[in-house]
Amino acid sequence: MPYHRLLAEQTARLVGAKPAEVVVMNSLTVNLHLMMVSFYRPTTQRHKIVIEGSAFPSDQYAVKSQIKFHGFDPTNSLIELCPRGGEATLRDADILAVIEREGASIALVMLGGVNYSSGQAFDMEGITKAGHAHGCVVAFDLAHAAGNLLLKLHEWDVDFAAWCSYKYLNGGPGCIGGCFVHERHAQASAMPRFAGWWGHDEGTRFAMGPEFLPMMGAEGWQLSNPSILSMAALRASMDIFDKAVMERLRAKSISLTGYLEYLLDLSASEKFEILTPREPERRGAQLSLRIRTGGRGICDRLVDEGVLCDWREPDILRVAPIPLYNSYFDVYRFVERFVAAL
């Protein structure tokens, strides 16, 4: 019954939180919906949601459906952040300018910690401060940030966050996700939420009473008792992260990704360009490469040769040297094969 708590301290260390602020449960989009039930409370004056124009489609579907569920129109209530013409990534100043300009009408700012397509990492601390200054709830989808970046969700005062564990945390598709709720909301028992018995106060859970009394902290958003097998798989991975230490992994990641960038620059060609920001603090392990012609075929050839990268329509090859298990020699061999495929 208490198995999920075996992951609480490890998860808290991973995302920079207190153990009571995190819980392992459900999958990513389910958790985002559960959080928006509580934290997206639109009014006629404040009803807008800010996301990236290039956000992962599931995030787009989720926020649009939430807007419609509350009787608003995404045409008027959804603000999509897009790069300037001719640029591939968002400027921090432009994000903050939108919050400054639209702040009084924004109910929720919900960006990815790292954009899945471009690989751009956002200034989560600065965005949170800007949003809170205008009375907005600020949240992040950390699918590409958890296990990739150094996170300090509690210190940054983020309202909520959710993530999957099947990318950098090694869980595989469908593996159980995670959720963060800042301790400021820990005792907000009157906050609207979808309730289930596993989120009920454990002291009286088996009294089987008709009234829902939520547990304090993030655990109060649980619905059903979670899969032990999924949590056990995640725990095996989290044990490794604990031993490796996230600060050391991030240091190696910066070096490893920098080496990838260096080798690609040496092989500069009109056939491809690096879209991901050059500054280490504005990216994680991923470099996104725009392939101007024949990109899908190049990706397929690399996969046939044992190189595990990823294709995203219409023209992006995502390459991520993972510090936990990739070497500098892996990076060298990738560039060698990539150039040959070009």
Protein backbone atom coordinates (compact mmCIF):
# COMPACT_ATOMS: atom_id res chain seq x y z
CA MET A 1 0.00 0.00 0.00
CA PRO A 2 2.68 2.61 0.76
CA TYR A 3 4.94 1.58 -2.17
CA HIS A 4 4.63 4.95 -3.93
CA ARG A 5 6.33 6.60 -0.94
CA LEU A 6 9.51 4.64 -1.66
CA LEU A 7 9.85 6.95 -4.68
CA ALA A 8 8.96 10.23 -2.95
CA GLU A 9 12.41 11.32 -1.75
CA GLN A 10 14.15 10.23 -4.95
CA THR A 11 11.58 12.03 -7.07
CA ALA A 12 11.80 15.14 -4.91
CA ARG A 13 15.58 15.25 -5.35
CA LEU A 14 15.21 14.81 -9.10
CA VAL A 15 12.92 17.83 -9.55
CA GLY A 16 14.09 20.04 -6.68
CA ALA A 17 11.07 19.62 -4.42
CA LYS A 18 10.06 18.51 -0.94
CA PRO A 19 8.86 14.90 -0.65
CA ALA A 20 5.33 15.99 0.22
CA GLU A 21 5.19 18.05 -3.00
CA VAL A 22 5.59 15.10 -5.36
CA VAL A 23 3.71 11.94 -6.16
CA VAL A 24 4.21 9.18 -8.72
CA MET A 25 0.93 8.39 -10.46
CA ASN A 26 -0.92 8.02 -13.76
CA SER A 27 0.58 9.19 -17.05
CA LEU A 28 1.59 12.67 -18.18
CA THR A 29 -1.53 13.99 -19.90
CA VAL A 30 -3.80 12.47 -17.25
CA ASN A 31 -1.83 14.38 -14.61
CA LEU A 32 -1.97 17.61 -16.61
CA HIS A 33 -5.76 17.30 -16.84
CA LEU A 34 -6.07 16.59 -13.10
CA MET A 35 -3.94 19.63 -12.32
CA MET A 36 -5.90 21.89 -14.67
CA VAL A 37 -9.15 20.82 -13.02
CA SER A 38 -7.78 22.43 -9.86
CA PHE A 39 -5.60 25.23 -11.16
CA TYR A 40 -7.30 26.42 -14.35
CA ARG A 41 -10.31 28.29 -13.01
CA PRO A 42 -11.21 30.73 -15.80
CA THR A 43 -13.37 33.82 -15.40
CA THR A 44 -14.68 36.24 -17.98
CA GLN A 45 -11.79 38.56 -17.13
CA ARG A 46 -9.02 35.95 -16.70
CA HIS A 47 -9.42 32.91 -18.97
CA LYS A 48 -6.37 32.62 -21.24
CA ILE A 49 -3.75 29.85 -21.30
CA VAL A 50 -0.24 30.47 -22.60
CA ILE A 51 1.60 27.60 -24.31
CA GLU A 52 4.25 27.18 -26.98
CA GLY A 53 2.92 27.26 -30.53
CA SER A 54 5.09 24.19 -31.10
CA ALA A 55 4.07 22.42 -27.88
CA PHE A 56 3.74 18.66 -27.99
CA PRO A 57 0.34 17.92 -29.61
CA SER A 58 -1.02 16.19 -26.49
CA ASP A 59 -0.53 19.44 -24.55
CA GLN A 60 -2.35 21.32 -27.30
CA TYR A 61 -5.24 18.87 -27.17
CA ALA A 62 -5.40 19.00 -23.38
CA VAL A 63 -5.45 22.78 -22.98
CA LYS A 64 -7.89 23.31 -25.84
CA SER A 65 -10.26 20.73 -24.39
CA GLN A 66 -10.02 22.36 -20.95
CA ILE A 67 -10.82 25.75 -22.45
CA LYS A 68 -13.84 24.33 -24.28
CA PHE A 69 -14.94 22.41 -21.17
CA HIS A 70 -15.26 25.73 -19.34
CA GLY A 71 -17.31 27.25 -22.16
CA PHE A 72 -14.59 29.38 -23.73
CA ASP A 73 -13.22 29.43 -27.27
CA PRO A 74 -9.54 28.55 -27.89
CA THR A 75 -9.52 31.16 -30.63
CA ASN A 76 -9.80 33.83 -27.93
CA SER A 77 -8.47 31.99 -24.87
CA LEU A 78 -5.32 30.29 -26.14
CA ILE A 79 -2.09 32.28 -26.54
CA GLU A 80 0.49 30.39 -28.58
CA LEU A 81 4.08 31.61 -28.37
CA CYS A 82 5.89 31.49 -31.70
CA PRO A 83 9.45 32.42 -32.70
CA ARG A 84 10.10 35.56 -34.67
CA GLY A 85 10.15 35.22 -38.43
CA GLY A 86 13.22 33.35 -39.62
CA GLU A 87 14.07 32.08 -36.12
CA ALA A 88 13.65 28.55 -34.78
CA THR A 89 13.36 29.20 -31.03
CA LEU A 90 11.61 31.61 -28.70
CA ARG A 91 13.36 34.59 -27.17
CA ASP A 92 13.07 34.91 -23.40
CA ALA A 93 12.26 38.59 -23.76
CA ASP A 94 9.34 37.81 -26.08
CA ILE A 95 7.86 35.29 -23.62
CA LEU A 96 8.05 37.81 -20.79
CA ALA A 97 6.62 40.54 -23.02
CA VAL A 98 3.51 38.45 -23.72
CA ILE A 99 3.00 37.84 -19.99
CA GLU A 100 3.46 41.54 -19.30
CA ARG A 101 1.03 42.57 -22.03
CA GLU A 102 -1.68 39.93 -21.45
CA GLY A 103 -1.11 39.22 -17.75
CA ALA A 104 -4.45 40.46 -16.48
CA SER A 105 -6.29 38.05 -18.78
CA ILE A 106 -4.02 35.02 -18.33
CA ALA A 107 -5.28 32.29 -16.00
CA LEU A 108 -2.50 29.78 -16.67
CA VAL A 109 1.00 29.80 -18.16
CA MET A 110 1.91 26.21 -19.05
CA LEU A 111 5.07 25.67 -21.06
CA GLY A 112 7.33 22.70 -21.58
CA GLY A 113 10.51 22.77 -19.53
CA VAL A 114 12.26 21.77 -22.77
CA ASN A 115 10.48 22.05 -26.10
CA TYR A 116 10.16 18.56 -27.57
CA SER A 117 10.83 19.69 -31.14
CA SER A 118 13.52 22.38 -30.96
CA GLY A 119 15.21 21.18 -27.76
CA GLN A 120 15.05 24.70 -26.29
CA ALA A 121 15.10 24.86 -22.49
CA PHE A 122 13.11 27.70 -20.96
CA ASP A 123 13.94 30.02 -18.08
CA MET A 124 11.44 28.44 -15.73
CA GLU A 125 12.41 30.60 -12.77
CA GLY A 126 12.06 33.85 -14.71
CA ILE A 127 8.77 32.80 -16.34
CA THR A 128 7.34 31.82 -12.94
CA LYS A 129 8.26 35.16 -11.39
CA ALA A 130 6.77 37.07 -14.31
CA GLY A 131 3.54 35.07 -14.26
CA HIS A 132 3.07 35.38 -10.52
CA ALA A 133 3.66 39.13 -10.69
CA HIS A 134 0.49 39.32 -12.79
CA GLY A 135 -1.57 36.86 -10.74
CA CYS A 136 -1.20 33.93 -13.16
CA VAL A 137 -0.83 30.27 -12.23
CA VAL A 138 2.46 28.98 -13.68
CA ALA A 139 3.09 25.33 -14.54
CA PHE A 140 5.42 23.21 -16.64
CA ASP A 141 5.28 20.00 -18.63
CA LEU A 142 8.64 18.44 -17.74
CA ALA A 143 8.50 15.48 -20.12
CA HIS A 144 11.84 16.46 -21.67
CA ALA A 145 13.28 18.14 -18.58
CA ALA A 146 12.97 15.56 -15.78
CA GLY A 147 16.24 13.64 -15.65
CA ASN A 148 17.73 16.06 -18.18
CA LEU A 149 18.03 19.46 -16.49
CA LEU A 150 18.73 20.57 -12.93
CA LEU A 151 15.31 21.50 -11.60
CA LYS A 152 14.39 23.52 -8.52
CA LEU A 153 10.61 23.54 -8.63
CA HIS A 154 10.09 24.41 -4.95
CA GLU A 155 12.66 27.19 -4.95
CA TRP A 156 11.33 28.62 -8.21
CA ASP A 157 7.82 28.68 -6.66
CA VAL A 158 6.21 26.79 -9.59
CA ASP A 159 2.53 26.06 -8.89
CA PHE A 160 2.41 22.61 -10.45
CA ALA A 161 4.29 20.41 -12.89
CA ALA A 162 3.89 16.99 -14.46
CA TRP A 163 6.21 14.66 -16.33
CA CYS A 164 6.47 11.22 -17.82
CA SER A 165 9.23 8.75 -17.01
CA TYR A 166 9.66 7.12 -20.41
CA LYS A 167 12.31 9.46 -21.83
CA TYR A 168 15.34 10.37 -19.73
CA LEU A 169 14.09 8.29 -16.80
CA ASN A 170 14.20 5.08 -18.88
CA GLY A 171 10.69 3.81 -18.19
CA GLY A 172 9.48 3.04 -21.70
CA PRO A 173 6.15 4.15 -23.23
CA GLY A 174 3.25 3.98 -20.80
CA CYS A 175 5.41 3.92 -17.69
CA ILE A 176 4.01 5.74 -14.69
CA GLY A 177 4.38 9.54 -14.56
CA GLY A 178 4.95 12.08 -11.82
CA CYS A 179 3.39 15.24 -10.47
CA PHE A 180 4.49 18.24 -8.39
CA VAL A 181 2.23 20.55 -6.40
CA HIS A 182 3.89 23.36 -4.45
CA GLU A 183 3.43 23.17 -0.69
CA ARG A 184 1.60 26.52 -0.81
CA HIS A 185 -1.36 24.49 -2.06
CA ALA A 186 -0.84 21.53 0.27
CA GLN A 187 -3.72 22.32 2.57
CA ALA A 188 -6.11 23.72 -0.02
CA SER A 189 -8.67 21.01 0.70
CA ALA A 190 -11.47 23.17 -0.66
CA MET A 191 -9.73 23.50 -4.04
CA PRO A 192 -11.82 21.92 -6.83
CA ARG A 193 -10.43 18.57 -7.93
CA PHE A 194 -11.43 15.22 -9.34
CA ALA A 195 -11.37 12.83 -6.41
CA GLY A 196 -10.64 9.14 -6.00
CA TRP A 197 -10.21 6.92 -3.00
CA TRP A 198 -6.39 6.73 -3.13
CA GLY A 199 -6.24 10.49 -2.61
CA HIS A 200 -8.44 10.24 0.50
CA ASP A 201 -6.86 10.69 3.93
CA GLU A 202 -5.26 7.32 4.62
CA GLY A 203 -6.21 7.41 8.29
CA THR A 204 -9.90 7.04 7.42
CA ARG A 205 -9.68 5.62 3.87
CA PHE A 206 -10.94 2.19 4.89
CA ALA A 207 -13.80 3.59 6.92
CA MET A 208 -15.43 3.83 3.48
CA GLY A 209 -17.18 7.10 4.28
CA PRO A 210 -19.11 9.03 1.65
CA GLU A 211 -17.21 12.34 2.02
CA PHE A 212 -13.84 12.89 0.37
CA LEU A 213 -11.12 14.25 2.65
CA PRO A 214 -7.91 14.74 0.63
CA MET A 215 -4.48 13.85 1.91
CA MET A 216 -2.14 16.78 2.40
CA GLY A 217 0.27 17.62 -0.41
CA ALA A 218 0.51 16.12 -3.87
CA GLU A 219 -0.79 12.75 -2.67
CA GLY A 220 -4.24 14.31 -2.34
CA TRP A 221 -4.58 14.32 -6.14
CA GLN A 222 -4.25 10.53 -6.46
CA LEU A 223 -7.26 8.65 -7.81
CA SER A 224 -6.65 4.90 -7.86
CA ASN A 225 -4.01 2.75 -6.24
CA PRO A 226 -1.12 2.68 -8.74
CA SER A 227 0.56 -0.23 -10.50
CA ILE A 228 3.29 -1.71 -8.31
CA LEU A 229 5.07 -3.19 -11.34
CA SER A 230 5.30 0.22 -13.05
CA MET A 231 6.59 1.85 -9.88
CA ALA A 232 9.13 -0.93 -9.35
CA ALA A 233 10.55 -0.38 -12.84
CA LEU A 234 10.81 3.35 -12.20
CA ARG A 235 12.37 2.76 -8.80
CA ALA A 236 15.16 0.70 -10.40
CA SER A 237 15.95 3.65 -12.66
CA MET A 238 15.70 6.20 -9.86
CA ASP A 239 18.17 4.20 -7.79
CA ILE A 240 20.67 4.67 -10.61
CA PHE A 241 19.97 8.42 -10.80
CA ASP A 242 20.51 8.68 -7.07
CA LYS A 243 23.86 6.94 -7.36
CA ALA A 244 24.96 8.96 -10.41
CA VAL A 245 23.79 12.30 -8.91
CA MET A 246 21.91 14.71 -11.18
CA GLU A 247 24.47 17.52 -10.83
CA ARG A 248 27.20 15.24 -12.20
CA LEU A 249 24.96 13.96 -14.99
CA ARG A 250 24.13 17.52 -16.03
CA ALA A 251 27.83 18.46 -16.09
CA LYS A 252 28.61 15.50 -18.33
CA SER A 253 25.56 16.30 -20.47
CA ILE A 254 26.80 19.84 -21.13
CA SER A 255 30.19 18.48 -22.15
CA LEU A 256 28.79 15.62 -24.23
CA THR A 257 26.28 17.80 -26.10
CA GLY A 258 28.97 20.45 -26.60
CA TYR A 259 31.19 17.80 -28.20
CA LEU A 260 28.34 16.80 -30.51
CA GLU A 261 27.85 20.43 -31.49
CA TYR A 262 31.61 20.85 -32.08
CA LEU A 263 31.81 17.82 -34.40
CA LEU A 264 28.71 18.88 -36.33
CA ASP A 265 30.19 22.36 -36.80
CA LEU A 266 33.34 20.77 -38.20
CA SER A 267 31.10 18.97 -40.68
CA ALA A 268 29.07 22.07 -41.54
CA SER A 269 26.98 21.65 -44.67
CA GLU A 270 24.13 23.39 -46.43
CA LYS A 271 22.25 20.11 -46.09
CA PHE A 272 21.53 20.62 -42.36
CA GLU A 273 21.47 23.19 -39.57
CA ILE A 274 21.33 23.03 -35.77
CA LEU A 275 18.06 24.54 -34.49
CA THR A 276 18.67 24.14 -30.76
CA PRO A 277 20.14 27.15 -28.89
CA ARG A 278 23.92 27.24 -28.64
CA GLU A 279 24.03 28.33 -25.00
CA PRO A 280 24.23 25.30 -22.65
CA GLU A 281 21.79 26.89 -20.19
CA ARG A 282 19.17 27.11 -22.95
CA ARG A 283 19.18 23.42 -23.87
CA GLY A 284 19.40 19.94 -22.40
CA ALA A 285 20.97 16.89 -23.99
CA GLN A 286 19.07 17.22 -27.27
CA LEU A 287 20.18 18.85 -30.50
CA SER A 288 17.54 19.21 -33.18
CA LEU A 289 18.89 19.18 -36.73
CA ARG A 290 16.90 20.52 -39.66
CA ILE A 291 17.58 18.30 -42.67
CA ARG A 292 16.77 20.20 -45.83
CA THR A 293 16.18 17.23 -48.16
CA GLY A 294 15.69 13.50 -47.69
CA GLY A 295 15.71 13.68 -43.92
CA ARG A 296 13.41 10.76 -43.24
CA GLY A 297 15.51 8.50 -45.40
CA ILE A 298 18.65 9.60 -43.55
CA CYS A 299 17.00 8.82 -40.21
CA ASP A 300 15.93 5.37 -41.43
CA ARG A 301 19.45 4.63 -42.65
CA LEU A 302 20.93 5.64 -39.29
CA VAL A 303 18.46 3.42 -37.45
CA ASP A 304 19.37 0.52 -39.74
CA GLU A 305 23.00 1.09 -38.74
CA GLY A 306 22.14 0.95 -35.04
CA VAL A 307 21.97 4.69 -34.34
CA LEU A 308 18.89 5.44 -32.24
CA CYS A 309 17.78 8.96 -33.07
CA ASP A 310 14.32 10.30 -33.82
CA TRP A 311 12.47 11.91 -36.73
CA ARG A 312 9.84 14.63 -36.34
CA GLU A 313 7.89 15.93 -39.32
CA PRO A 314 8.47 17.78 -41.47
CA ASP A 315 12.27 18.05 -41.35
CA ILE A 316 13.74 17.58 -37.84
CA LEU A 317 16.16 14.90 -36.70
CA ARG A 318 16.41 14.81 -32.89
CA VAL A 319 19.73 13.63 -31.49
CA ALA A 320 20.26 13.24 -27.74
CA PRO A 321 23.52 11.95 -26.25
CA ILE A 322 22.37 10.79 -22.81
CA PRO A 323 25.04 11.23 -20.10
CA LEU A 324 23.88 8.21 -18.10
CA TYR A 325 24.87 5.74 -20.79
CA ASN A 326 26.28 7.47 -23.90
CA SER A 327 30.01 8.03 -24.41
CA TYR A 328 32.04 10.56 -26.34
CA PHE A 329 32.90 7.75 -28.74
CA ASP A 330 29.16 7.19 -29.34
CA VAL A 331 28.91 10.86 -30.31
CA TYR A 332 31.92 10.58 -32.63
CA ARG A 333 30.48 7.50 -34.33
CA PHE A 334 27.09 9.18 -34.76
CA VAL A 335 28.57 12.19 -36.53
CA GLU A 336 30.69 9.93 -38.71
CA ARG A 337 27.65 7.95 -39.81
CA PHE A 338 25.43 11.04 -40.09
CA VAL A 339 27.87 12.76 -42.45
CA ALA A 340 28.14 9.59 -44.52
CA ALA A 341 24.34 9.37 -44.72
CA LEU A 342 24.13 13.00 -45.84
